[in-house]
Protein backbone atom coordinates (compact mmCIF):
# COMPACT_ATOMS: atom_id res chain seq x y z
CA MET A 1 -55.67 -129.10 -13.58
CA GLY A 2 -55.73 -125.54 -12.20
CA ASN A 3 -57.94 -123.98 -9.57
CA CYS A 4 -58.51 -120.46 -8.29
CA MET A 5 -55.39 -120.72 -6.12
CA GLY A 6 -53.11 -121.65 -9.01
CA ASP A 7 -51.57 -124.90 -10.14
CA HIS A 8 -50.16 -127.30 -7.56
CA MET A 9 -46.49 -127.44 -8.49
CA GLY A 10 -45.15 -129.83 -5.84
CA LYS A 11 -43.73 -129.66 -2.34
CA ILE A 12 -40.65 -127.75 -1.23
CA GLU A 13 -38.47 -128.94 1.62
CA ILE A 14 -36.52 -126.56 3.85
CA ASP A 15 -32.93 -127.59 4.62
CA GLU A 16 -31.14 -127.23 7.97
CA ARG A 17 -29.97 -123.70 7.05
CA GLY A 18 -33.50 -122.50 6.19
CA ARG A 19 -32.96 -122.62 2.44
CA LEU A 20 -35.45 -123.93 -0.05
CA THR A 21 -35.07 -125.10 -3.61
CA LEU A 22 -37.74 -124.25 -6.16
CA PRO A 23 -38.61 -127.24 -8.33
CA SER A 24 -37.29 -127.01 -11.88
CA LYS A 25 -40.79 -126.86 -13.41
CA ILE A 26 -41.52 -123.69 -11.38
CA ARG A 27 -38.17 -122.13 -12.35
CA GLU A 28 -38.80 -122.97 -16.01
CA LYS A 29 -42.39 -121.66 -15.97
CA LEU A 30 -41.33 -118.33 -14.43
CA LEU A 31 -37.98 -118.12 -16.27
CA ILE A 32 -36.13 -117.91 -12.94
CA ARG A 33 -32.36 -118.12 -13.24
CA ALA A 34 -29.50 -118.08 -10.71
CA GLY A 35 -29.05 -114.52 -9.46
CA ASP A 36 -32.69 -113.46 -10.02
CA THR A 37 -34.43 -111.63 -7.20
CA LEU A 38 -37.70 -112.84 -5.67
CA THR A 39 -39.98 -110.97 -3.26
CA VAL A 40 -41.75 -112.73 -0.39
CA LYS A 41 -45.03 -111.69 1.23
CA VAL A 42 -46.66 -113.36 4.23
CA ASN A 43 -50.46 -113.03 4.18
CA SER A 44 -52.69 -112.80 7.25
CA ASP A 45 -53.69 -116.46 6.79
CA ASN A 46 -49.98 -117.47 7.08
CA SER A 47 -49.73 -118.25 3.38
CA ILE A 48 -46.53 -117.22 1.65
CA VAL A 49 -46.49 -115.57 -1.77
CA ILE A 50 -43.19 -115.58 -3.66
CA LYS A 51 -42.99 -113.46 -6.81
CA LYS A 52 -40.25 -112.97 -9.34
CA SER A 53 -39.11 -109.36 -9.06
CA PRO A 54 -39.00 -107.40 -12.31
CA THR A 55 -35.55 -106.66 -13.70
CA LYS A 56 -34.30 -103.07 -13.94
CA GLU A 57 -34.86 -103.29 -17.69
CA GLN A 58 -38.50 -104.38 -17.21
CA ILE A 59 -39.11 -101.53 -14.74
CA PHE A 60 -37.53 -99.05 -17.17
CA ASP A 61 -39.63 -100.37 -20.08
CA ARG A 62 -42.81 -99.84 -18.01
CA LEU A 63 -41.76 -96.26 -17.17
CA VAL A 64 -41.06 -95.23 -20.78
CA GLY A 65 -43.98 -93.11 -21.90
CA CYS A 66 -45.14 -92.39 -18.34
CA ILE A 67 -42.77 -89.47 -17.81
CA LYS A 68 -43.09 -86.28 -19.83
CA ILE A 69 -39.73 -85.11 -21.12
CA PRO A 70 -39.51 -81.49 -22.28
CA SER A 71 -37.40 -82.32 -25.33
CA GLU A 72 -37.50 -84.85 -28.10
CA GLU A 73 -34.49 -86.77 -26.78
CA LYS A 74 -34.95 -90.48 -26.15
CA PRO A 75 -35.28 -91.21 -22.42
CA THR A 76 -32.41 -93.06 -20.78
CA PRO A 77 -32.36 -94.58 -17.28
CA GLU A 78 -30.06 -91.74 -16.15
CA LEU A 79 -32.43 -89.08 -17.53
CA ILE A 80 -35.46 -90.66 -15.86
CA LYS A 81 -33.54 -90.99 -12.58
CA GLY A 82 -32.65 -87.27 -12.75
CA ILE A 83 -36.25 -86.25 -13.44
CA TRP A 84 -37.49 -88.48 -10.64
CA LYS A 85 -35.00 -86.95 -8.14
CA GLN A 86 -36.04 -83.42 -9.16
CA ASN A 87 -39.70 -84.19 -8.44
CA GLN A 88 -39.28 -85.61 -4.95
């Protein structure tokens, strides 16, 4: 049963080195694998929000179509990086 704060997915215990382990049902739901990057935000009410960071491929896919390229060539990550550096 969900609520406006999201589904209760269990408790997480912190070990003596400050590490935590995400329960398998959370990892499965968010498709989190070893080596993935997560971002952490601490809100003013001391709640912690942990989000799965997008992969480089996901970021690139979101950028395709957002940048005008003067030619008909298909954008590559290197081309977009070059255009981005020129416009800074």
